[in-house]
PDB file of N, CA and C in Angstrom:
ATOM      1  N   MET A   1       2.790  -0.223  -6.562  1.00  0.00           N
ATOM      2  CA  MET A   1       2.140  -0.147  -5.756  1.00  0.00           C
ATOM      3  C   MET A   1       1.142  -0.116  -5.817  1.00  0.00           C
ATOM      4  N   VAL A   2       0.157  -0.102  -6.742  1.00  0.00           N
ATOM      5  CA  VAL A   2      -1.630   0.385  -6.800  1.00  0.00           C
ATOM      6  C   VAL A   2      -2.678   0.362  -5.564  1.00  0.00           C
ATOM      7  N   ASP A   3      -3.388   1.343  -5.703  1.00  0.00           N
ATOM      8  CA  ASP A   3      -4.213   0.759  -4.513  1.00  0.00           C
ATOM      9  C   ASP A   3      -5.654   0.919  -5.793  1.00  0.00           C
ATOM     10  N   GLY A   4      -6.499   0.087  -5.124  1.00  0.00           N
ATOM     11  CA  GLY A   4      -8.066   0.538  -4.686  1.00  0.00           C
ATOM     12  C   GLY A   4      -8.626   0.171  -6.633  1.00  0.00           C
ATOM     13  N   ILE A   5      -8.066  -1.050  -7.189  1.00  0.00           N
ATOM     14  CA  ILE A   5      -8.221  -2.012  -8.618  1.00  0.00           C
ATOM     15  C   ILE A   5      -9.747  -2.220  -8.101  1.00  0.00           C
ATOM     16  N   LYS A   6     -10.105  -2.696  -8.694  1.00  0.00           N
ATOM     17  CA  LYS A   6     -11.534  -3.203  -9.114  1.00  0.00           C
ATOM     18  C   LYS A   6     -11.616  -4.288  -9.487  1.00  0.00           C
ATOM     19  N   VAL A   7     -11.660  -3.971 -10.974  1.00  0.00           N
ATOM     20  CA  VAL A   7     -11.442  -5.103 -12.173  1.00  0.00           C
ATOM     21  C   VAL A   7     -10.097  -4.862 -12.535  1.00  0.00           C
ATOM     22  N   TYR A   8      -9.015  -6.291 -12.185  1.00  0.00           N
ATOM     23  CA  TYR A   8      -7.725  -6.587 -12.819  1.00  0.00           C
ATOM     24  C   TYR A   8      -8.075  -6.766 -14.274  1.00  0.00           C
ATOM     25  N   ASP A   9      -8.182  -7.228 -14.743  1.00  0.00           N
ATOM     26  CA  ASP A   9      -8.268  -7.253 -16.485  1.00  0.00           C
ATOM     27  C   ASP A   9      -8.059  -6.291 -16.897  1.00  0.00           C
ATOM     28  N   LYS A  10      -9.238  -5.347 -16.776  1.00  0.00           N
ATOM     29  CA  LYS A  10      -9.282  -4.245 -17.243  1.00  0.00           C
ATOM     30  C   LYS A  10      -7.862  -3.235 -16.959  1.00  0.00           C
ATOM     31  N   PHE A  11      -7.570  -3.382 -15.775  1.00  0.00           N
ATOM     32  CA  PHE A  11      -6.156  -2.934 -16.187  1.00  0.00           C
ATOM     33  C   PHE A  11      -5.271  -3.213 -16.226  1.00  0.00           C
ATOM     34  N   TYR A  12      -5.328  -4.299 -16.653  1.00  0.00           N
ATOM     35  CA  TYR A  12      -4.132  -4.962 -17.143  1.00  0.00           C
ATOM     36  C   TYR A  12      -4.289  -5.620 -18.429  1.00  0.00           C
ATOM     37  N   ASP A  13      -5.210  -5.355 -19.057  1.00  0.00           N
ATOM     38  CA  ASP A  13      -5.495  -4.318 -20.572  1.00  0.00           C
ATOM     39  C   ASP A  13      -4.618  -2.994 -21.065  1.00  0.00           C
ATOM     40  N   MET A  14      -5.501  -2.149 -19.800  1.00  0.00           N
ATOM     41  CA  MET A  14      -4.747  -0.971 -20.757  1.00  0.00           C
ATOM     42  C   MET A  14      -3.911  -0.480 -20.562  1.00  0.00           C
ATOM     43  N   ILE A  15      -2.301  -1.476 -19.812  1.00  0.00           N
ATOM     44  CA  ILE A  15      -1.495  -0.838 -19.853  1.00  0.00           C
ATOM     45  C   ILE A  15      -0.951  -2.684 -20.644  1.00  0.00           C
ATOM     46  N   THR A  16      -1.301  -2.889 -21.147  1.00  0.00           N
ATOM     47  CA  THR A  16      -0.504  -3.982 -21.949  1.00  0.00           C
ATOM     48  C   THR A  16      -0.691  -2.889 -23.453  1.00  0.00           C
ATOM     49  N   GLU A  17      -1.434  -2.493 -23.805  1.00  0.00           N
ATOM     50  CA  GLU A  17      -2.173  -1.318 -24.434  1.00  0.00           C
ATOM     51  C   GLU A  17      -0.860  -0.840 -25.275  1.00  0.00           C
ATOM     52  N   HIS A  18       0.440  -0.122 -24.533  1.00  0.00           N
ATOM     53  CA  HIS A  18       1.786   0.214 -24.672  1.00  0.00           C
ATOM     54  C   HIS A  18       3.058  -0.503 -23.795  1.00  0.00           C
ATOM     55  N   ILE A  19       2.654  -0.767 -23.026  1.00  0.00           N
ATOM     56  CA  ILE A  19       4.038  -2.033 -22.828  1.00  0.00           C
ATOM     57  C   ILE A  19       3.922  -3.642 -23.208  1.00  0.00           C
ATOM     58  N   PRO A  20       5.116  -3.417 -22.997  1.00  0.00           N
ATOM     59  CA  PRO A  20       4.759  -6.062 -23.672  1.00  0.00           C
ATOM     60  C   PRO A  20       4.116  -6.525 -22.428  1.00  0.00           C
ATOM     61  N   ALA A  21       4.262  -6.736 -22.514  1.00  0.00           N
ATOM     62  CA  ALA A  21       3.627  -8.165 -20.982  1.00  0.00           C
ATOM     63  C   ALA A  21       4.985  -8.417 -20.758  1.00  0.00           C
ATOM     64  N   SER A  22       5.974  -8.389 -21.520  1.00  0.00           N
ATOM     65  CA  SER A  22       7.598  -9.392 -20.794  1.00  0.00           C
ATOM     66  C   SER A  22       8.394  -8.501 -20.166  1.00  0.00           C
ATOM     67  N   LYS A  23       7.843  -7.089 -20.588  1.00  0.00           N
ATOM     68  CA  LYS A  23       8.634  -5.828 -19.511  1.00  0.00           C
ATOM     69  C   LYS A  23       7.949  -5.270 -17.819  1.00  0.00           C
ATOM     70  N   PHE A  24       7.219  -6.166 -17.911  1.00  0.00           N
ATOM     71  CA  PHE A  24       6.948  -6.124 -16.581  1.00  0.00           C
ATOM     72  C   PHE A  24       5.807  -7.061 -15.705  1.00  0.00           C
ATOM     73  N   ASN A  25       5.746  -7.030 -14.935  1.00  0.00           N
ATOM     74  CA  ASN A  25       4.683  -8.484 -14.041  1.00  0.00           C
ATOM     75  C   ASN A  25       3.711  -7.622 -12.846  1.00  0.00           C
ATOM     76  N   THR A  26       3.120  -8.272 -12.563  1.00  0.00           N
ATOM     77  CA  THR A  26       2.213  -7.898 -11.354  1.00  0.00           C
ATOM     78  C   THR A  26       1.756  -8.884 -10.871  1.00  0.00           C
ATOM     79  N   LYS A  27       1.989  -8.964  -9.435  1.00  0.00           N
ATOM     80  CA  LYS A  27       0.828  -9.681  -8.212  1.00  0.00           C
ATOM     81  C   LYS A  27       0.457  -9.680  -7.912  1.00  0.00           C
ATOM     82  N   LEU A  28      -0.865  -9.660  -7.606  1.00  0.00           N
ATOM     83  CA  LEU A  28      -2.660  -9.336  -6.638  1.00  0.00           C
ATOM     84  C   LEU A  28      -1.870  -9.618  -5.337  1.00  0.00           C
ATOM     85  N   MET A  29      -2.783  -8.654  -4.510  1.00  0.00           N
ATOM     86  CA  MET A  29      -1.760  -8.335  -2.775  1.00  0.00           C
ATOM     87  C   MET A  29      -3.653  -7.785  -1.971  1.00  0.00           C
ATOM     88  N   LYS A  30      -3.785  -7.915  -0.715  1.00  0.00           N
ATOM     89  CA  LYS A  30      -4.624  -7.810   0.458  1.00  0.00           C
ATOM     90  C   LYS A  30      -5.575  -6.602  -0.488  1.00  0.00           C
ATOM     91  N   GLY A  31      -6.160  -6.855  -0.381  1.00  0.00           N
ATOM     92  CA  GLY A  31      -7.020  -5.080  -0.532  1.00  0.00           C
ATOM     93  C   GLY A  31      -8.143  -4.372  -1.942  1.00  0.00           C
ATOM     94  N   GLY A  32      -7.607  -5.440  -2.922  1.00  0.00           N
ATOM     95  CA  GLY A  32      -7.420  -4.879  -3.970  1.00  0.00           C
ATOM     96  C   GLY A  32      -6.091  -4.328  -4.555  1.00  0.00           C
ATOM     97  N   SER A  33      -4.568  -4.291  -3.992  1.00  0.00           N
ATOM     98  CA  SER A  33      -3.815  -3.331  -4.966  1.00  0.00           C
ATOM     99  C   SER A  33      -2.804  -4.152  -5.428  1.00  0.00           C
ATOM    100  N   ILE A  34      -2.415  -3.403  -6.365  1.00  0.00           N
ATOM    101  CA  ILE A  34      -1.440  -4.606  -7.016  1.00  0.00           C
ATOM    102  C   ILE A  34      -0.024  -4.231  -7.329  1.00  0.00           C
ATOM    103  N   LYS A  35       0.738  -4.867  -7.204  1.00  0.00           N
ATOM    104  CA  LYS A  35       2.582  -4.702  -7.005  1.00  0.00           C
ATOM    105  C   LYS A  35       2.605  -4.995  -8.360  1.00  0.00           C
ATOM    106  N   VAL A  36       2.931  -4.159  -9.080  1.00  0.00           N
ATOM    107  CA  VAL A  36       4.203  -3.503 -10.249  1.00  0.00           C
ATOM    108  C   VAL A  36       5.036  -3.935 -10.705  1.00  0.00           C
ATOM    109  N   ASN A  37       6.335  -4.771 -11.158  1.00  0.00           N
ATOM    110  CA  ASN A  37       7.411  -4.669 -10.744  1.00  0.00           C
ATOM    111  C   ASN A  37       7.740  -4.988 -12.370  1.00  0.00           C
ATOM    112  N   VAL A  38       8.737  -3.530 -12.017  1.00  0.00           N
ATOM    113  CA  VAL A  38       9.421  -3.349 -14.254  1.00  0.00           C
ATOM    114  C   VAL A  38      10.963  -4.481 -13.835  1.00  0.00           C
ATOM    115  N   ALA A  39      10.885  -4.033 -15.891  1.00  0.00           N
ATOM    116  CA  ALA A  39      12.503  -3.874 -16.099  1.00  0.00           C
ATOM    117  C   ALA A  39      13.014  -2.881 -16.129  1.00  0.00           C
ATOM    118  N   ASP A  40      13.884  -1.633 -16.009  1.00  0.00           N
ATOM    119  CA  ASP A  40      13.832  -0.911 -16.357  1.00  0.00           C
ATOM    120  C   ASP A  40      13.469   0.737 -16.087  1.00  0.00           C
ATOM    121  N   GLU A  41      14.408   1.505 -16.355  1.00  0.00           N
ATOM    122  CA  GLU A  41      13.893   2.625 -15.961  1.00  0.00           C
ATOM    123  C   GLU A  41      12.576   3.490 -16.952  1.00  0.00           C
ATOM    124  N   GLU A  42      13.063   3.106 -18.106  1.00  0.00           N
ATOM    125  CA  GLU A  42      12.013   3.392 -19.059  1.00  0.00           C
ATOM    126  C   GLU A  42      10.727   3.002 -19.024  1.00  0.00           C
ATOM    127  N   VAL A  43      10.760   2.174 -18.703  1.00  0.00           N
ATOM    128  CA  VAL A  43       9.101   0.930 -18.659  1.00  0.00           C
ATOM    129  C   VAL A  43       8.669   1.775 -17.342  1.00  0.00           C
ATOM    130  N   TYR A  44       9.631   1.707 -16.612  1.00  0.00           N
ATOM    131  CA  TYR A  44       8.975   2.698 -14.937  1.00  0.00           C
ATOM    132  C   TYR A  44       7.975   4.193 -15.505  1.00  0.00           C
ATOM    133  N   ARG A  45       9.213   4.808 -16.385  1.00  0.00           N
ATOM    134  CA  ARG A  45       8.363   5.501 -17.060  1.00  0.00           C
ATOM    135  C   ARG A  45       7.493   6.183 -17.237  1.00  0.00           C
ATOM    136  N   MET A  46       6.781   5.336 -18.685  1.00  0.00           N
ATOM    137  CA  MET A  46       6.219   4.549 -18.974  1.00  0.00           C
ATOM    138  C   MET A  46       5.023   4.648 -18.321  1.00  0.00           C
ATOM    139  N   MET A  47       5.035   3.360 -17.374  1.00  0.00           N
ATOM    140  CA  MET A  47       3.662   2.703 -16.394  1.00  0.00           C
ATOM    141  C   MET A  47       3.295   3.891 -15.600  1.00  0.00           C
ATOM    142  N   THR A  48       4.125   4.976 -14.897  1.00  0.00           N
ATOM    143  CA  THR A  48       3.981   6.069 -14.488  1.00  0.00           C
ATOM    144  C   THR A  48       3.062   7.703 -15.005  1.00  0.00           C
ATOM    145  N   ASN A  49       3.643   6.620 -16.117  1.00  0.00           N
ATOM    146  CA  ASN A  49       2.288   7.891 -17.228  1.00  0.00           C
ATOM    147  C   ASN A  49       1.146   7.705 -17.269  1.00  0.00           C
ATOM    148  N   ILE A  50       0.798   6.077 -17.812  1.00  0.00           N
ATOM    149  CA  ILE A  50      -0.311   5.375 -17.844  1.00  0.00           C
ATOM    150  C   ILE A  50      -1.141   5.295 -16.065  1.00  0.00           C
ATOM    151  N   ILE A  51      -0.213   5.285 -15.132  1.00  0.00           N
ATOM    152  CA  ILE A  51      -1.074   5.308 -14.255  1.00  0.00           C
ATOM    153  C   ILE A  51      -1.731   6.508 -13.896  1.00  0.00           C
ATOM    154  N   LEU A  52      -0.626   7.563 -13.660  1.00  0.00           N
ATOM    155  CA  LEU A  52      -1.519   9.194 -13.895  1.00  0.00           C
ATOM    156  C   LEU A  52      -2.868   9.796 -14.678  1.00  0.00           C
ATOM    157  N   GLU A  53      -2.360   8.857 -16.010  1.00  0.00           N
ATOM    158  CA  GLU A  53      -3.552   9.195 -16.290  1.00  0.00           C
ATOM    159  C   GLU A  53      -4.952   8.844 -16.246  1.00  0.00           C
ATOM    160  N   GLY A  54      -4.666   7.301 -16.063  1.00  0.00           N
ATOM    161  CA  GLY A  54      -5.751   6.691 -15.556  1.00  0.00           C
ATOM    162  C   GLY A  54      -6.453   7.386 -14.000  1.00  0.00           C
ATOM    163  N   ARG A  55      -5.601   8.023 -13.466  1.00  0.00           N
ATOM    164  CA  ARG A  55      -5.855   8.966 -11.767  1.00  0.00           C
ATOM    165  C   ARG A  55      -6.433   7.459 -10.683  1.00  0.00           C
ATOM    166  N   TYR A  56      -5.427   6.168 -10.905  1.00  0.00           N
ATOM    167  CA  TYR A  56      -5.372   5.546 -10.012  1.00  0.00           C
ATOM    168  C   TYR A  56      -4.867   5.976  -8.654  1.00  0.00           C
ATOM    169  N   ALA A  57      -4.783   5.466  -7.445  1.00  0.00           N
ATOM    170  CA  ALA A  57      -3.947   6.051  -6.552  1.00  0.00           C
ATOM    171  C   ALA A  57      -2.484   4.884  -6.231  1.00  0.00           C
ATOM    172  N   TRP A  58      -1.614   5.126  -6.077  1.00  0.00           N
ATOM    173  CA  TRP A  58      -0.474   4.858  -6.102  1.00  0.00           C
ATOM    174  C   TRP A  58       0.902   4.781  -5.224  1.00  0.00           C
ATOM    175  N   HIS A  59       1.870   4.338  -4.994  1.00  0.00           N
ATOM    176  CA  HIS A  59       3.314   4.705  -4.420  1.00  0.00           C
ATOM    177  C   HIS A  59       4.221   4.026  -4.774  1.00  0.00           C
ATOM    178  N   SER A  60       5.438   4.980  -4.676  1.00  0.00           N
ATOM    179  CA  SER A  60       6.774   3.476  -5.007  1.00  0.00           C
ATOM    180  C   SER A  60       7.584   3.532  -4.344  1.00  0.00           C
ATOM    181  N   TYR A  61       8.450   3.185  -3.972  1.00  0.00           N
ATOM    182  CA  TYR A  61       9.968   2.827  -4.041  1.00  0.00           C
ATOM    183  C   TYR A  61      10.534   2.799  -4.187  1.00  0.00           C
ATOM    184  N   GLU A  62      11.994   3.957  -3.885  1.00  0.00           N
ATOM    185  CA  GLU A  62      13.205   4.803  -4.495  1.00  0.00           C
ATOM    186  C   GLU A  62      13.583   3.958  -5.103  1.00  0.00           C
ATOM    187  N   TYR A  63      14.048   4.021  -5.382  1.00  0.00           N
ATOM    188  CA  TYR A  63      15.314   2.713  -6.808  1.00  0.00           C
ATOM    189  C   TYR A  63      16.628   2.883  -6.085  1.00  0.00           C
ATOM    190  N   LYS A  64      17.075   1.297  -5.719  1.00  0.00           N
ATOM    191  CA  LYS A  64      18.511   0.938  -5.421  1.00  0.00           C
ATOM    192  C   LYS A  64      19.069   1.750  -5.283  1.00  0.00           C
ATOM    193  N   HIS A  65      19.388   1.816  -7.077  1.00  0.00           N
ATOM    194  CA  HIS A  65      20.714   2.796  -7.684  1.00  0.00           C
ATOM    195  C   HIS A  65      20.711   4.480  -7.237  1.00  0.00           C
ATOM    196  N   THR A  66      19.765   4.682  -7.490  1.00  0.00           N
ATOM    197  CA  THR A  66      19.614   6.126  -6.780  1.00  0.00           C
ATOM    198  C   THR A  66      19.168   6.461  -5.502  1.00  0.00           C
ATOM    199  N   ARG A  67      18.989   5.345  -4.299  1.00  0.00           N
ATOM    200  CA  ARG A  67      19.592   6.332  -3.212  1.00  0.00           C
ATOM    201  C   ARG A  67      20.372   6.343  -2.339  1.00  0.00           C
ATOM    202  N   PRO A  68      20.446   7.030  -1.492  1.00  0.00           N
ATOM    203  CA  PRO A  68      22.179   7.766  -1.086  1.00  0.00           C
ATOM    204  C   PRO A  68      22.557   6.230  -0.247  1.00  0.00           C
ATOM    205  N   ILE A  69      23.767   5.980  -0.034  1.00  0.00           N
ATOM    206  CA  ILE A  69      23.764   4.830   0.740  1.00  0.00           C
ATOM    207  C   ILE A  69      24.300   5.522   1.733  1.00  0.00           C
ATOM    208  N   ARG A  70      23.659   5.171   3.545  1.00  0.00           N
ATOM    209  CA  ARG A  70      23.699   5.322   4.291  1.00  0.00           C
ATOM    210  C   ARG A  70      25.074   4.386   5.574  1.00  0.00           C
ATOM    211  N   VAL A  71      25.774   4.782   5.871  1.00  0.00           N
ATOM    212  CA  VAL A  71      26.888   4.458   6.418  1.00  0.00           C
ATOM    213  C   VAL A  71      27.034   4.848   8.225  1.00  0.00           C
ATOM    214  N   MET A  72      27.407   3.690   9.077  1.00  0.00           N
ATOM    215  CA  MET A  72      27.521   4.199  10.676  1.00  0.00           C
ATOM    216  C   MET A  72      28.826   4.275  10.692  1.00  0.00           C
ATOM    217  N   ALA A  73      29.058   4.872  11.603  1.00  0.00           N
ATOM    218  CA  ALA A  73      30.903   4.155  12.140  1.00  0.00           C
ATOM    219  C   ALA A  73      30.544   3.998  14.066  1.00  0.00           C
ATOM    220  N   ARG A  74      30.915   3.070  14.262  1.00  0.00           N
ATOM    221  CA  ARG A  74      30.847   2.861  16.056  1.00  0.00           C
ATOM    222  C   ARG A  74      31.911   2.919  16.303  1.00  0.00           C
ATOM    223  N   ASN A  75      32.669   3.068  17.345  1.00  0.00           N
ATOM    224  CA  ASN A  75      33.558   2.859  18.116  1.00  0.00           C
ATOM    225  C   ASN A  75      34.635   3.909  17.803  1.00  0.00           C
ATOM    226  N   LEU A  76      34.259   5.005  17.432  1.00  0.00           N
ATOM    227  CA  LEU A  76      35.548   6.321  16.970  1.00  0.00           C
ATOM    228  C   LEU A  76      35.376   6.696  18.262  1.00  0.00           C
ATOM    229  N   HIS A  77      36.846   7.508  18.069  1.00  0.00           N
ATOM    230  CA  HIS A  77      37.179   8.513  19.409  1.00  0.00           C
ATOM    231  C   HIS A  77      36.291  10.316  18.432  1.00  0.00           C
ATOM    232  N   HIS A  78      35.916  11.460  19.412  1.00  0.00           N
ATOM    233  CA  HIS A  78      35.383  11.836  19.312  1.00  0.00           C
ATOM    234  C   HIS A  78      36.119  13.096  18.273  1.00  0.00           C
ATOM    235  N   SER A  79      37.703  13.025  18.577  1.00  0.00           N
ATOM    236  CA  SER A  79      38.904  13.655  17.915  1.00  0.00           C
ATOM    237  C   SER A  79      38.373  13.556  16.521  1.00  0.00           C
TER     238      SER A  79
END
């Protein structure tokens, strides 16, 4: 999620200079935010470098394959 984008075309052009458009998808959200989905980890790293160089405010969610699995067990005896 990239926040505070005023001119979408400028942002999109900056990304497509380094990454082919087939490797990522963008979706405009409310409040000037853009949701960016990437194809793989390599493209993710390239995208974060571009966003950091542009000094945009952004945040990312955990990658499904790297986050820990959480399990809850119920009705087990205390011993």
